[in-house]
């Protein structure tokens, strides 16, 4: 079973939504890691990046079809 099996990479709109969503999640995780670093003096960049990418790939359900 592929983690990202719900994504149709042949559909340009769905591929674009997947990539944009992944980029947004990566940027948000790095901002959160930077805030944690400044507040608690702990460097969690790699851990948060890995955890968020895995969570996104597991939880992504693809584009909803408009009816």
Protein backbone atom coordinates (compact mmCIF):
# COMPACT_ATOMS: atom_id res chain seq x y z
CA UNK A 1 0.00 0.00 0.00
CA UNK A 2 1.40 3.35 -0.99
CA UNK A 3 1.03 6.12 1.55
CA UNK A 4 0.14 8.59 -1.19
CA UNK A 5 -2.07 6.24 -3.21
CA UNK A 6 -5.04 8.61 -3.00
CA UNK A 7 -3.27 11.19 -5.18
CA UNK A 8 -3.79 11.05 -8.93
CA UNK A 9 -0.51 12.46 -10.23
CA UNK A 10 -1.78 12.36 -13.82
CA UNK A 11 -4.40 15.01 -13.01
CA UNK A 12 -2.62 18.38 -13.13
CA UNK A 13 -5.01 20.14 -10.72
CA UNK A 14 -4.72 17.40 -8.12
CA UNK A 15 -0.94 17.23 -8.44
CA UNK A 16 -0.72 21.00 -8.04
CA UNK A 17 -2.97 20.94 -4.95
CA UNK A 18 -0.89 18.15 -3.42
CA UNK A 19 2.41 19.95 -3.98
CA UNK A 20 1.08 23.30 -2.70
CA UNK A 21 -0.39 21.61 0.36
CA UNK A 22 2.89 19.85 1.09
CA UNK A 23 4.85 23.09 0.72
CA UNK A 24 2.46 24.91 3.08
CA UNK A 25 2.84 22.15 5.68
CA UNK A 26 6.65 22.27 5.40
CA UNK A 27 6.76 26.05 5.79
CA UNK A 28 4.42 25.98 8.77
CA UNK A 29 6.42 23.21 10.46
CA UNK A 30 9.65 25.15 10.07
CA UNK A 31 8.07 28.33 11.48
CA UNK A 32 6.77 26.36 14.47
CA UNK A 33 10.21 24.79 14.94
CA UNK A 34 11.80 28.26 14.84
CA UNK A 35 9.37 29.55 17.49
CA UNK A 36 10.06 26.51 19.69
CA UNK A 37 13.79 27.09 19.23
CA UNK A 38 13.54 30.70 20.37
CA UNK A 39 11.16 30.02 23.29
CA UNK A 40 12.56 26.78 24.69
CA UNK A 41 16.10 26.71 23.28
CA UNK A 42 15.48 23.33 21.63
CA UNK A 43 16.26 22.64 17.98
CA UNK A 44 13.49 20.45 16.53
CA UNK A 45 13.70 21.34 12.83
CA UNK A 46 14.38 17.88 11.46
CA UNK A 47 11.96 16.07 13.77
CA UNK A 48 9.08 18.42 13.01
CA UNK A 49 9.78 18.37 9.29
CA UNK A 50 9.80 14.57 9.15
CA UNK A 51 6.72 14.22 11.38
CA UNK A 52 4.70 16.76 9.43
CA UNK A 53 5.54 15.27 6.03
CA UNK A 54 4.53 11.80 7.23
CA UNK A 55 1.32 13.15 8.78
CA UNK A 56 0.46 15.00 5.58
CA UNK A 57 1.06 11.95 3.38
CA UNK A 58 -1.00 9.70 5.64
CA UNK A 59 -3.85 12.16 6.07
CA UNK A 60 -4.13 13.51 2.52
CA UNK A 61 -7.36 12.37 0.88
CA UNK A 62 -7.07 14.02 -2.53
CA UNK A 63 -9.24 16.66 -4.10
CA UNK A 64 -12.97 16.48 -3.54
CA UNK A 65 -14.84 16.17 -6.78
CA UNK A 66 -17.22 18.99 -7.54
CA UNK A 67 -20.70 17.86 -8.44
